[in-house]
Amino acid sequence: MFVVGLTGGIGSGKSTVAKEFAKLDVQVIDADQIAREVVEPGSTALNEISEHFGADIVDSNGELNRKALREIVFADHEAREWLESLLHPLIAERIQQRVATSQSEYCILESPLLLETTQADFVHRVLVVDVLESTQLTRTMERDSSPRATIEAIIQSQLPRKQRLEAADDILDNELPLQTLSARIKELHAQYLALAQSHDE
């Protein structure tokens, strides 16, 4: 299976781009969604997180309080490392399972941490959604209503924009109007179909 890794910093618009590819009948594997699945109520991972960070990290419905956890781990480097060492192998395993069962001509792995983790090993091509850092900050604060300091810490924890662009095979400028973006996605789709075909031969 030919896999395109779709990545970009927080607030860059990866989900918007992924939806456009999904409209073209491309299967999108969402690493963030998988990250939520591995900490579902009753899961071993959630129990370990609760033991490590305290019972308050789980809400009254038995679900992970993601906002509270995010504020802890982006203020404490060791806490983040502990969490990543627990979750990243579980997420990687599920990604591989989804890729193996994908039915489209090629599939997309949408992941904010594609280039910061071993997830990059699963892809044949890297597509980076790019915006200015100021756009990332504004969009994420509007979307998540998280404190500015938390969003800034997340941006700092991710690969610097320059390095992300250097790692890209293809770049989508998401400062452009949606119509222009959509046309560019259709061009990339045709390119990826051709690459997938030659990959299978």
N, C-alpha and C. Protein backbone atom coordinates (compact mmCIF):
# COMPACT_ATOMS: atom_id res chain seq x y z
N MET A 1 0.84 -1.20 0.00
CA MET A 1 0.00 0.00 0.00
C MET A 1 0.88 1.25 0.00
N PHE A 2 0.62 2.13 -0.97
CA PHE A 2 1.36 3.40 -1.04
C PHE A 2 0.74 4.35 -0.02
N VAL A 3 1.58 4.89 0.86
CA VAL A 3 1.08 5.73 1.96
C VAL A 3 1.69 7.13 1.86
N VAL A 4 0.81 8.13 1.91
CA VAL A 4 1.24 9.53 1.95
C VAL A 4 1.06 10.03 3.38
N GLY A 5 2.12 10.55 3.97
CA GLY A 5 2.05 11.12 5.31
C GLY A 5 1.65 12.58 5.22
N LEU A 6 0.54 12.93 5.86
CA LEU A 6 0.04 14.31 5.87
C LEU A 6 0.33 14.90 7.25
N THR A 7 1.11 15.97 7.28
CA THR A 7 1.47 16.55 8.57
C THR A 7 1.54 18.06 8.47
N GLY A 8 1.75 18.69 9.61
CA GLY A 8 1.83 20.15 9.71
C GLY A 8 1.72 20.50 11.17
N GLY A 9 2.10 21.70 11.52
CA GLY A 9 2.02 22.12 12.92
C GLY A 9 0.59 22.24 13.38
N ILE A 10 0.41 22.37 14.68
CA ILE A 10 -0.93 22.55 15.25
C ILE A 10 -1.59 23.78 14.61
N GLY A 11 -2.87 23.64 14.26
CA GLY A 11 -3.60 24.78 13.69
C GLY A 11 -3.29 25.07 12.23
N SER A 12 -2.56 24.16 11.57
CA SER A 12 -2.19 24.42 10.16
C SER A 12 -3.31 24.06 9.18
N GLY A 13 -4.29 23.28 9.64
CA GLY A 13 -5.41 22.91 8.77
C GLY A 13 -5.30 21.53 8.16
N LYS A 14 -4.61 20.62 8.85
CA LYS A 14 -4.46 19.24 8.36
C LYS A 14 -5.81 18.57 8.14
N SER A 15 -6.73 18.78 9.08
CA SER A 15 -8.05 18.12 9.00
C SER A 15 -8.82 18.59 7.77
N THR A 16 -8.74 19.88 7.46
CA THR A 16 -9.41 20.43 6.26
C THR A 16 -8.87 19.74 5.02
N VAL A 17 -7.55 19.60 4.95
CA VAL A 17 -6.91 18.96 3.80
C VAL A 17 -7.30 17.48 3.73
N ALA A 18 -7.29 16.81 4.89
CA ALA A 18 -7.65 15.38 4.93
C ALA A 18 -9.07 15.17 4.42
N LYS A 19 -9.99 16.07 4.78
CA LYS A 19 -11.39 15.95 4.33
C LYS A 19 -11.48 16.08 2.80
N GLU A 20 -10.66 16.95 2.23
CA GLU A 20 -10.66 17.12 0.77
C GLU A 20 -10.19 15.83 0.08
N PHE A 21 -9.17 15.19 0.65
CA PHE A 21 -8.71 13.90 0.08
C PHE A 21 -9.78 12.82 0.27
N ALA A 22 -10.45 12.84 1.42
CA ALA A 22 -11.51 11.84 1.68
C ALA A 22 -12.64 11.97 0.66
N LYS A 23 -12.93 13.21 0.22
CA LYS A 23 -13.96 13.43 -0.81
C LYS A 23 -13.57 12.78 -2.14
N LEU A 24 -12.27 12.56 -2.32
CA LEU A 24 -11.76 11.93 -3.55
C LEU A 24 -11.63 10.40 -3.37
N ASP A 25 -12.30 9.89 -2.32
CA ASP A 25 -12.32 8.44 -2.02
C ASP A 25 -10.96 7.88 -1.60
N VAL A 26 -10.18 8.72 -0.95
CA VAL A 26 -8.90 8.26 -0.39
C VAL A 26 -9.14 7.95 1.09
N GLN A 27 -8.70 6.78 1.53
CA GLN A 27 -8.84 6.46 2.95
C GLN A 27 -7.84 7.27 3.76
N VAL A 28 -8.35 7.94 4.81
CA VAL A 28 -7.50 8.73 5.68
C VAL A 28 -7.41 8.03 7.04
N ILE A 29 -6.19 7.74 7.44
CA ILE A 29 -5.95 7.16 8.77
C ILE A 29 -5.52 8.32 9.67
N ASP A 30 -6.32 8.59 10.68
CA ASP A 30 -6.11 9.76 11.54
C ASP A 30 -5.39 9.34 12.82
N ALA A 31 -4.12 9.72 12.93
CA ALA A 31 -3.32 9.31 14.11
C ALA A 31 -3.88 9.91 15.40
N ASP A 32 -4.47 11.10 15.32
CA ASP A 32 -5.09 11.72 16.51
C ASP A 32 -6.28 10.90 16.99
N GLN A 33 -7.07 10.41 16.03
CA GLN A 33 -8.23 9.57 16.37
C GLN A 33 -7.75 8.28 17.03
N ILE A 34 -6.70 7.70 16.49
CA ILE A 34 -6.13 6.47 17.08
C ILE A 34 -5.60 6.76 18.48
N ALA A 35 -4.98 7.94 18.65
CA ALA A 35 -4.48 8.33 19.97
C ALA A 35 -5.61 8.42 20.99
N ARG A 36 -6.82 8.82 20.51
CA ARG A 36 -7.98 8.85 21.42
C ARG A 36 -8.47 7.44 21.71
N GLU A 37 -8.43 6.57 20.70
CA GLU A 37 -8.91 5.18 20.88
C GLU A 37 -8.09 4.43 21.92
N VAL A 38 -6.76 4.64 21.93
CA VAL A 38 -5.92 3.84 22.83
C VAL A 38 -6.07 4.25 24.30
N VAL A 39 -6.75 5.40 24.54
CA VAL A 39 -6.99 5.82 25.94
C VAL A 39 -8.48 5.85 26.26
N GLU A 40 -9.25 5.02 25.53
CA GLU A 40 -10.69 4.96 25.80
C GLU A 40 -10.94 4.46 27.22
N PRO A 41 -12.12 4.80 27.83
CA PRO A 41 -12.43 4.32 29.18
C PRO A 41 -12.25 2.81 29.29
N GLY A 42 -11.58 2.40 30.36
CA GLY A 42 -11.35 0.97 30.59
C GLY A 42 -10.08 0.44 29.96
N SER A 43 -9.41 1.25 29.13
CA SER A 43 -8.19 0.76 28.47
C SER A 43 -7.03 0.71 29.46
N THR A 44 -6.10 -0.19 29.18
CA THR A 44 -4.90 -0.34 30.02
C THR A 44 -4.12 0.97 30.05
N ALA A 45 -4.01 1.63 28.90
CA ALA A 45 -3.24 2.88 28.82
C ALA A 45 -3.86 3.95 29.72
N LEU A 46 -5.19 4.06 29.70
CA LEU A 46 -5.85 5.07 30.54
C LEU A 46 -5.62 4.79 32.02
N ASN A 47 -5.68 3.51 32.38
CA ASN A 47 -5.43 3.14 33.78
C ASN A 47 -4.01 3.53 34.20
N GLU A 48 -3.05 3.31 33.31
CA GLU A 48 -1.65 3.66 33.63
C GLU A 48 -1.48 5.18 33.74
N ILE A 49 -2.17 5.93 32.88
CA ILE A 49 -2.11 7.40 32.93
C ILE A 49 -2.70 7.90 34.25
N SER A 50 -3.81 7.30 34.64
CA SER A 50 -4.48 7.69 35.88
C SER A 50 -3.59 7.40 37.09
N GLU A 51 -2.92 6.24 37.08
CA GLU A 51 -2.01 5.89 38.18
C GLU A 51 -0.83 6.85 38.24
N HIS A 52 -0.34 7.28 37.06
CA HIS A 52 0.85 8.13 37.00
C HIS A 52 0.54 9.58 37.36
N PHE A 53 -0.58 10.11 36.83
CA PHE A 53 -0.88 11.54 37.01
C PHE A 53 -1.95 11.82 38.07
N GLY A 54 -2.56 10.75 38.60
CA GLY A 54 -3.60 10.93 39.62
C GLY A 54 -4.99 10.77 39.01
N ALA A 55 -5.93 10.36 39.87
CA ALA A 55 -7.30 10.03 39.43
C ALA A 55 -8.02 11.24 38.82
N ASP A 56 -7.60 12.45 39.17
CA ASP A 56 -8.26 13.67 38.65
C ASP A 56 -8.13 13.81 37.14
N ILE A 57 -7.21 13.07 36.55
CA ILE A 57 -6.97 13.18 35.10
C ILE A 57 -8.09 12.48 34.32
N VAL A 58 -8.93 11.71 35.05
CA VAL A 58 -10.08 11.04 34.44
C VAL A 58 -11.35 11.74 34.94
N ASP A 59 -12.26 12.08 34.01
CA ASP A 59 -13.46 12.80 34.42
C ASP A 59 -14.54 11.86 34.96
N SER A 60 -15.68 12.42 35.31
CA SER A 60 -16.76 11.64 35.95
C SER A 60 -17.35 10.58 35.02
N ASN A 61 -17.14 10.73 33.71
CA ASN A 61 -17.63 9.72 32.75
C ASN A 61 -16.60 8.62 32.49
N GLY A 62 -15.47 8.69 33.22
CA GLY A 62 -14.42 7.69 33.03
C GLY A 62 -13.53 7.98 31.84
N GLU A 63 -13.66 9.21 31.28
CA GLU A 63 -12.86 9.57 30.11
C GLU A 63 -11.68 10.44 30.50
N LEU A 64 -10.65 10.37 29.68
CA LEU A 64 -9.45 11.17 29.91
C LEU A 64 -9.77 12.65 29.75
N ASN A 65 -9.33 13.43 30.73
CA ASN A 65 -9.47 14.90 30.62
C ASN A 65 -8.27 15.38 29.80
N ARG A 66 -8.46 15.43 28.49
CA ARG A 66 -7.36 15.71 27.56
C ARG A 66 -6.77 17.11 27.76
N LYS A 67 -7.65 18.06 28.06
CA LYS A 67 -7.18 19.44 28.23
C LYS A 67 -6.25 19.53 29.45
N ALA A 68 -6.66 18.90 30.55
CA ALA A 68 -5.85 18.93 31.78
C ALA A 68 -4.51 18.22 31.55
N LEU A 69 -4.57 17.08 30.85
CA LEU A 69 -3.34 16.32 30.58
C LEU A 69 -2.41 17.14 29.69
N ARG A 70 -2.98 17.78 28.68
CA ARG A 70 -2.18 18.58 27.76
C ARG A 70 -1.44 19.69 28.52
N GLU A 71 -2.15 20.34 29.44
CA GLU A 71 -1.51 21.44 30.19
C GLU A 71 -0.38 20.92 31.08
N ILE A 72 -0.54 19.70 31.61
CA ILE A 72 0.52 19.11 32.45
C ILE A 72 1.74 18.78 31.60
N VAL A 73 1.52 18.03 30.50
CA VAL A 73 2.67 17.50 29.76
C VAL A 73 3.41 18.57 28.95
N PHE A 74 2.72 19.66 28.62
CA PHE A 74 3.44 20.71 27.88
C PHE A 74 4.07 21.73 28.82
N ALA A 75 3.92 21.50 30.12
CA ALA A 75 4.64 22.33 31.09
C ALA A 75 5.77 21.53 31.74
N ASP A 76 5.80 20.20 31.47
CA ASP A 76 6.77 19.32 32.14
C ASP A 76 7.32 18.32 31.11
N HIS A 77 8.58 18.53 30.74
CA HIS A 77 9.22 17.73 29.70
C HIS A 77 9.24 16.23 30.05
N GLU A 78 9.56 15.92 31.30
CA GLU A 78 9.64 14.51 31.72
C GLU A 78 8.27 13.83 31.66
N ALA A 79 7.25 14.58 32.03
CA ALA A 79 5.88 14.03 31.99
C ALA A 79 5.49 13.71 30.54
N ARG A 80 5.89 14.59 29.63
CA ARG A 80 5.57 14.35 28.22
C ARG A 80 6.31 13.13 27.68
N GLU A 81 7.58 13.00 28.07
CA GLU A 81 8.37 11.84 27.62
C GLU A 81 7.77 10.53 28.13
N TRP A 82 7.33 10.54 29.38
CA TRP A 82 6.71 9.35 29.96
C TRP A 82 5.46 8.97 29.16
N LEU A 83 4.62 9.97 28.89
CA LEU A 83 3.36 9.73 28.18
C LEU A 83 3.63 9.21 26.76
N GLU A 84 4.59 9.83 26.08
CA GLU A 84 4.91 9.42 24.71
C GLU A 84 5.45 7.99 24.67
N SER A 85 6.27 7.62 25.65
CA SER A 85 6.83 6.26 25.65
C SER A 85 5.73 5.21 25.87
N LEU A 86 4.65 5.61 26.55
CA LEU A 86 3.50 4.71 26.74
C LEU A 86 2.64 4.62 25.48
N LEU A 87 2.33 5.78 24.90
CA LEU A 87 1.32 5.82 23.84
C LEU A 87 1.85 5.58 22.43
N HIS A 88 3.05 6.07 22.12
CA HIS A 88 3.53 5.99 20.73
C HIS A 88 3.59 4.56 20.17
N PRO A 89 4.09 3.56 20.94
CA PRO A 89 4.09 2.19 20.39
C PRO A 89 2.68 1.65 20.13
N LEU A 90 1.72 2.00 21.00
CA LEU A 90 0.33 1.54 20.83
C LEU A 90 -0.29 2.17 19.59
N ILE A 91 -0.01 3.46 19.39
CA ILE A 91 -0.54 4.18 18.22
C ILE A 91 0.08 3.61 16.94
N ALA A 92 1.40 3.38 16.97
CA ALA A 92 2.11 2.86 15.78
C ALA A 92 1.54 1.50 15.36
N GLU A 93 1.26 0.66 16.33
CA GLU A 93 0.73 -0.68 16.03
C GLU A 93 -0.62 -0.59 15.32
N ARG A 94 -1.49 0.30 15.82
CA ARG A 94 -2.82 0.45 15.20
C ARG A 94 -2.72 1.07 13.81
N ILE A 95 -1.80 2.01 13.64
CA ILE A 95 -1.62 2.62 12.31
C ILE A 95 -1.27 1.54 11.30
N GLN A 96 -0.34 0.66 11.66
CA GLN A 96 0.08 -0.40 10.75
C GLN A 96 -1.09 -1.32 10.40
N GLN A 97 -1.94 -1.59 11.38
CA GLN A 97 -3.12 -2.44 11.14
C GLN A 97 -4.07 -1.77 10.13
N ARG A 98 -4.28 -0.45 10.29
CA ARG A 98 -5.20 0.29 9.41
C ARG A 98 -4.64 0.36 7.98
N VAL A 99 -3.33 0.59 7.88
CA VAL A 99 -2.70 0.65 6.55
C VAL A 99 -2.89 -0.70 5.84
N ALA A 100 -2.67 -1.79 6.58
CA ALA A 100 -2.75 -3.14 6.00
C ALA A 100 -4.16 -3.46 5.48
N THR A 101 -5.18 -2.84 6.08
CA THR A 101 -6.57 -3.16 5.68
C THR A 101 -7.19 -2.06 4.81
N SER A 102 -6.41 -1.07 4.43
CA SER A 102 -6.94 0.04 3.62
C SER A 102 -7.36 -0.46 2.24
N GLN A 103 -8.49 0.07 1.74
CA GLN A 103 -9.07 -0.40 0.47
C GLN A 103 -8.89 0.58 -0.69
N SER A 104 -8.42 1.81 -0.43
CA SER A 104 -8.31 2.79 -1.53
C SER A 104 -7.01 2.58 -2.30
N GLU A 105 -6.87 3.30 -3.43
CA GLU A 105 -5.70 3.15 -4.31
C GLU A 105 -4.40 3.47 -3.55
N TYR A 106 -4.48 4.45 -2.71
CA TYR A 106 -3.39 4.79 -1.78
C TYR A 106 -4.08 5.30 -0.52
N CYS A 107 -3.39 5.41 0.56
CA CYS A 107 -4.02 5.96 1.76
C CYS A 107 -3.18 7.10 2.33
N ILE A 108 -3.82 7.87 3.18
CA ILE A 108 -3.16 9.01 3.82
C ILE A 108 -3.09 8.77 5.31
N LEU A 109 -1.90 8.97 5.87
CA LEU A 109 -1.74 8.95 7.32
C LEU A 109 -1.64 10.40 7.78
N GLU A 110 -2.71 10.86 8.41
CA GLU A 110 -2.76 12.24 8.91
C GLU A 110 -2.21 12.24 10.34
N SER A 111 -1.08 12.91 10.55
CA SER A 111 -0.46 12.87 11.87
C SER A 111 0.31 14.16 12.17
N PRO A 112 0.00 14.80 13.31
CA PRO A 112 0.76 16.00 13.68
C PRO A 112 2.20 15.67 14.06
N LEU A 113 2.44 14.42 14.49
CA LEU A 113 3.78 14.03 14.96
C LEU A 113 4.47 13.07 13.99
N LEU A 114 4.08 13.12 12.73
CA LEU A 114 4.64 12.20 11.73
C LEU A 114 6.17 12.24 11.73
N LEU A 115 6.74 13.45 11.72
CA LEU A 115 8.18 13.60 11.57
C LEU A 115 8.93 13.55 12.91
N GLU A 116 8.17 13.60 14.00
CA GLU A 116 8.80 13.55 15.32
C GLU A 116 8.82 12.13 15.90
N THR A 117 8.16 11.19 15.22
CA THR A 117 8.04 9.81 15.73
C THR A 117 8.43 8.82 14.63
N THR A 118 8.35 7.53 14.96
CA THR A 118 8.65 6.48 13.98
C THR A 118 7.55 6.35 12.93
N GLN A 119 6.46 7.13 13.07
CA GLN A 119 5.38 7.06 12.09
C GLN A 119 5.87 7.40 10.67
N ALA A 120 6.92 8.20 10.59
CA ALA A 120 7.49 8.56 9.28
C ALA A 120 7.97 7.31 8.53
N ASP A 121 8.31 6.25 9.27
CA ASP A 121 8.78 5.01 8.64
C ASP A 121 7.67 4.30 7.85
N PHE A 122 6.40 4.65 8.12
CA PHE A 122 5.28 3.96 7.48
C PHE A 122 4.88 4.60 6.15
N VAL A 123 5.49 5.75 5.80
CA VAL A 123 5.02 6.48 4.63
C VAL A 123 6.07 6.51 3.51
N HIS A 124 5.56 6.67 2.29
CA HIS A 124 6.44 6.73 1.12
C HIS A 124 6.66 8.17 0.66
N ARG A 125 5.78 9.06 1.10
CA ARG A 125 5.87 10.46 0.67
C ARG A 125 5.31 11.34 1.79
N VAL A 126 5.89 12.52 1.95
CA VAL A 126 5.47 13.43 3.03
C VAL A 126 4.86 14.69 2.42
N LEU A 127 3.61 14.96 2.81
CA LEU A 127 2.91 16.18 2.40
C LEU A 127 2.75 17.08 3.63
N VAL A 128 3.33 18.26 3.57
CA VAL A 128 3.27 19.20 4.70
C VAL A 128 2.28 20.32 4.39
N VAL A 129 1.35 20.52 5.33
CA VAL A 129 0.43 21.67 5.27
C VAL A 129 1.10 22.80 6.03
N ASP A 130 1.31 23.91 5.34
CA ASP A 130 2.13 24.98 5.92
C ASP A 130 1.35 26.28 6.08
N VAL A 131 1.48 26.89 7.27
CA VAL A 131 0.98 28.24 7.53
C VAL A 131 2.00 28.98 8.38
N LEU A 132 1.84 30.28 8.51
CA LEU A 132 2.70 31.06 9.39
C LEU A 132 2.45 30.67 10.83
N GLU A 133 3.46 30.84 11.69
CA GLU A 133 3.31 30.50 13.10
C GLU A 133 2.22 31.35 13.75
N SER A 134 2.11 32.61 13.32
CA SER A 134 1.07 33.50 13.88
C SER A 134 -0.32 32.97 13.55
N THR A 135 -0.47 32.36 12.36
CA THR A 135 -1.76 31.76 11.95
C THR A 135 -2.05 30.54 12.82
N GLN A 136 -1.02 29.73 13.07
CA GLN A 136 -1.19 28.55 13.94
C GLN A 136 -1.75 28.97 15.29
N LEU A 137 -1.13 29.99 15.86
CA LEU A 137 -1.50 30.45 17.21
C LEU A 137 -2.94 30.96 17.23
N THR A 138 -3.28 31.82 16.27
CA THR A 138 -4.63 32.41 16.22
C THR A 138 -5.69 31.32 16.04
N ARG A 139 -5.47 30.44 15.05
CA ARG A 139 -6.47 29.41 14.75
C ARG A 139 -6.66 28.47 15.93
N THR A 140 -5.56 28.06 16.56
CA THR A 140 -5.67 27.08 17.65
C THR A 140 -6.33 27.69 18.88
N MET A 141 -6.01 28.94 19.18
CA MET A 141 -6.64 29.59 20.34
C MET A 141 -8.14 29.75 20.11
N GLU A 142 -8.53 30.06 18.88
CA GLU A 142 -9.97 30.18 18.56
C GLU A 142 -10.67 28.83 18.66
N ARG A 143 -9.99 27.78 18.19
CA ARG A 143 -10.59 26.44 18.14
C ARG A 143 -10.66 25.77 19.50
N ASP A 144 -9.56 25.84 20.27
CA ASP A 144 -9.46 25.04 21.50
C ASP A 144 -9.74 25.82 22.78
N SER A 145 -9.78 27.12 22.70
CA SER A 145 -9.87 27.99 23.87
C SER A 145 -8.90 27.57 24.98
N SER A 146 -7.69 27.15 24.56
CA SER A 146 -6.62 26.82 25.52
C SER A 146 -5.81 28.08 25.79
N PRO A 147 -5.10 28.10 26.94
CA PRO A 147 -4.27 29.27 27.23
C PRO A 147 -3.20 29.46 26.16
N ARG A 148 -2.89 30.71 25.86
CA ARG A 148 -1.87 31.04 24.85
C ARG A 148 -0.55 30.32 25.15
N ALA A 149 -0.17 30.29 26.44
CA ALA A 149 1.11 29.67 26.84
C ALA A 149 1.14 28.19 26.48
N THR A 150 0.01 27.50 26.63
CA THR A 150 -0.06 26.06 26.29
C THR A 150 0.12 25.87 24.80
N ILE A 151 -0.56 26.69 24.00
CA ILE A 151 -0.45 26.58 22.53
C ILE A 151 0.98 26.88 22.08
N GLU A 152 1.58 27.91 22.68
CA GLU A 152 2.97 28.25 22.34
C GLU A 152 3.91 27.10 22.69
N ALA A 153 3.66 26.45 23.84
CA ALA A 153 4.50 25.32 24.26
C ALA A 153 4.35 24.15 23.28
N ILE A 154 3.14 23.94 22.77
CA ILE A 154 2.91 22.86 21.80
C ILE A 154 3.66 23.17 20.51
N ILE A 155 3.56 24.42 20.05
CA ILE A 155 4.27 24.82 18.82
C ILE A 155 5.78 24.60 19.00
N GLN A 156 6.30 24.97 20.18
CA GLN A 156 7.73 24.80 20.45
C GLN A 156 8.14 23.34 20.51
N SER A 157 7.21 22.47 20.95
CA SER A 157 7.52 21.03 21.10
C SER A 157 7.54 20.33 19.75
N GLN A 158 6.86 20.92 18.76
CA GLN A 158 6.81 20.30 17.44
C GLN A 158 8.06 20.69 16.65
N LEU A 159 8.29 19.94 15.59
CA LEU A 159 9.44 20.20 14.73
C LEU A 159 9.37 21.64 14.23
N PRO A 160 10.49 22.38 14.23
CA PRO A 160 10.45 23.75 13.71
C PRO A 160 9.98 23.77 12.26
N ARG A 161 9.29 24.84 11.91
CA ARG A 161 8.69 24.97 10.57
C ARG A 161 9.73 24.72 9.47
N LYS A 162 10.91 25.28 9.62
CA LYS A 162 11.96 25.15 8.60
C LYS A 162 12.31 23.67 8.38
N GLN A 163 12.48 22.92 9.46
CA GLN A 163 12.83 21.50 9.36
C GLN A 163 11.69 20.69 8.74
N ARG A 164 10.45 21.06 9.11
CA ARG A 164 9.29 20.36 8.57
C ARG A 164 9.24 20.54 7.06
N LEU A 165 9.48 21.76 6.61
CA LEU A 165 9.45 22.04 5.16
C LEU A 165 10.59 21.33 4.43
N GLU A 166 11.73 21.24 5.09
CA GLU A 166 12.88 20.53 4.48
C GLU A 166 12.58 19.03 4.32
N ALA A 167 11.76 18.49 5.22
CA ALA A 167 11.43 17.05 5.18
C ALA A 167 10.32 16.73 4.19
N ALA A 168 9.68 17.78 3.65
CA ALA A 168 8.51 17.58 2.79
C ALA A 168 8.89 17.17 1.37
N ASP A 169 8.09 16.26 0.81
CA ASP A 169 8.16 15.98 -0.63
C ASP A 169 7.23 16.94 -1.37
N ASP A 170 6.11 17.26 -0.70
CA ASP A 170 5.13 18.19 -1.26
C ASP A 170 4.68 19.15 -0.17
N ILE A 171 4.37 20.40 -0.57
CA ILE A 171 3.95 21.42 0.40
C ILE A 171 2.64 22.04 -0.06
N LEU A 172 1.69 22.15 0.88
CA LEU A 172 0.42 22.84 0.61
C LEU A 172 0.39 24.12 1.43
N ASP A 173 0.30 25.26 0.76
CA ASP A 173 0.22 26.55 1.46
C ASP A 173 -1.23 26.78 1.88
N ASN A 174 -1.50 26.66 3.17
CA ASN A 174 -2.87 26.77 3.65
C ASN A 174 -3.24 28.19 4.07
N GLU A 175 -2.47 29.17 3.60
CA GLU A 175 -2.87 30.57 3.75
C GLU A 175 -3.74 30.96 2.54
N LEU A 176 -3.77 30.08 1.53
CA LEU A 176 -4.50 30.37 0.29
C LEU A 176 -6.01 30.12 0.47
N PRO A 177 -6.86 30.70 -0.40
CA PRO A 177 -8.31 30.43 -0.32
C PRO A 177 -8.59 28.95 -0.54
N LEU A 178 -9.69 28.47 0.04
CA LEU A 178 -10.04 27.04 -0.02
C LEU A 178 -10.16 26.55 -1.47
N GLN A 179 -10.67 27.40 -2.35
CA GLN A 179 -10.84 27.02 -3.76
C GLN A 179 -9.48 26.69 -4.41
N THR A 180 -8.48 27.53 -4.13
CA THR A 180 -7.12 27.32 -4.67
C THR A 180 -6.52 26.06 -4.07
N LEU A 181 -6.73 25.90 -2.77
CA LEU A 181 -6.22 24.73 -2.04
C LEU A 181 -6.83 23.45 -2.62
N SER A 182 -8.12 23.50 -2.86
CA SER A 182 -8.84 22.34 -3.40
C SER A 182 -8.29 21.92 -4.76
N ALA A 183 -8.00 22.90 -5.61
CA ALA A 183 -7.44 22.61 -6.94
C ALA A 183 -6.06 21.97 -6.82
N ARG A 184 -5.26 22.46 -5.89
CA ARG A 184 -3.91 21.91 -5.66
C ARG A 184 -4.00 20.48 -5.13
N ILE A 185 -4.99 20.21 -4.27
CA ILE A 185 -5.18 18.86 -3.73
C ILE A 185 -5.53 17.88 -4.85
N LYS A 186 -6.36 18.33 -5.80
CA LYS A 186 -6.73 17.46 -6.94
C LYS A 186 -5.48 17.14 -7.78
N GLU A 187 -4.59 18.11 -7.95
CA GLU A 187 -3.33 17.88 -8.68
C GLU A 187 -2.49 16.82 -7.95
N LEU A 188 -2.38 16.99 -6.64
CA LEU A 188 -1.59 16.04 -5.83
C LEU A 188 -2.21 14.64 -5.89
N HIS A 189 -3.54 14.59 -5.85
CA HIS A 189 -4.26 13.31 -5.90
C HIS A 189 -3.89 12.55 -7.19
N ALA A 190 -3.90 13.26 -8.31
CA ALA A 190 -3.53 12.62 -9.59
C ALA A 190 -2.09 12.11 -9.55
N GLN A 191 -1.23 12.91 -8.95
CA GLN A 191 0.19 12.53 -8.82
C GLN A 191 0.33 11.29 -7.94
N TYR A 192 -0.41 11.25 -6.82
CA TYR A 192 -0.31 10.12 -5.89
C TYR A 192 -0.90 8.85 -6.49
N LEU A 193 -1.96 8.99 -7.28
CA LEU A 193 -2.54 7.81 -7.97
C LEU A 193 -1.49 7.19 -8.89
N ALA A 194 -0.78 8.05 -9.63
CA ALA A 194 0.26 7.56 -10.55
C ALA A 194 1.39 6.90 -9.78
N LEU A 195 1.79 7.50 -8.68
CA LEU A 195 2.87 6.94 -7.84
C LEU A 195 2.44 5.60 -7.24
N ALA A 196 1.17 5.53 -6.82
CA ALA A 196 0.66 4.29 -6.23
C ALA A 196 0.66 3.17 -7.25
N GLN A 197 0.29 3.52 -8.47
CA GLN A 197 0.24 2.53 -9.55
C GLN A 197 1.65 1.97 -9.85
N SER A 198 2.63 2.86 -9.96
CA SER A 198 3.99 2.41 -10.26
C SER A 198 4.60 1.67 -9.04
N HIS A 199 4.13 2.03 -7.84
CA HIS A 199 4.59 1.36 -6.61
C HIS A 199 4.13 -0.10 -6.58
N ASP A 200 2.92 -0.34 -7.12
CA ASP A 200 2.32 -1.69 -7.12
C ASP A 200 2.91 -2.59 -8.21
N GLU A 201 3.52 -1.99 -9.24
CA GLU A 201 4.01 -2.79 -10.37
C GLU A 201 5.29 -3.55 -10.05
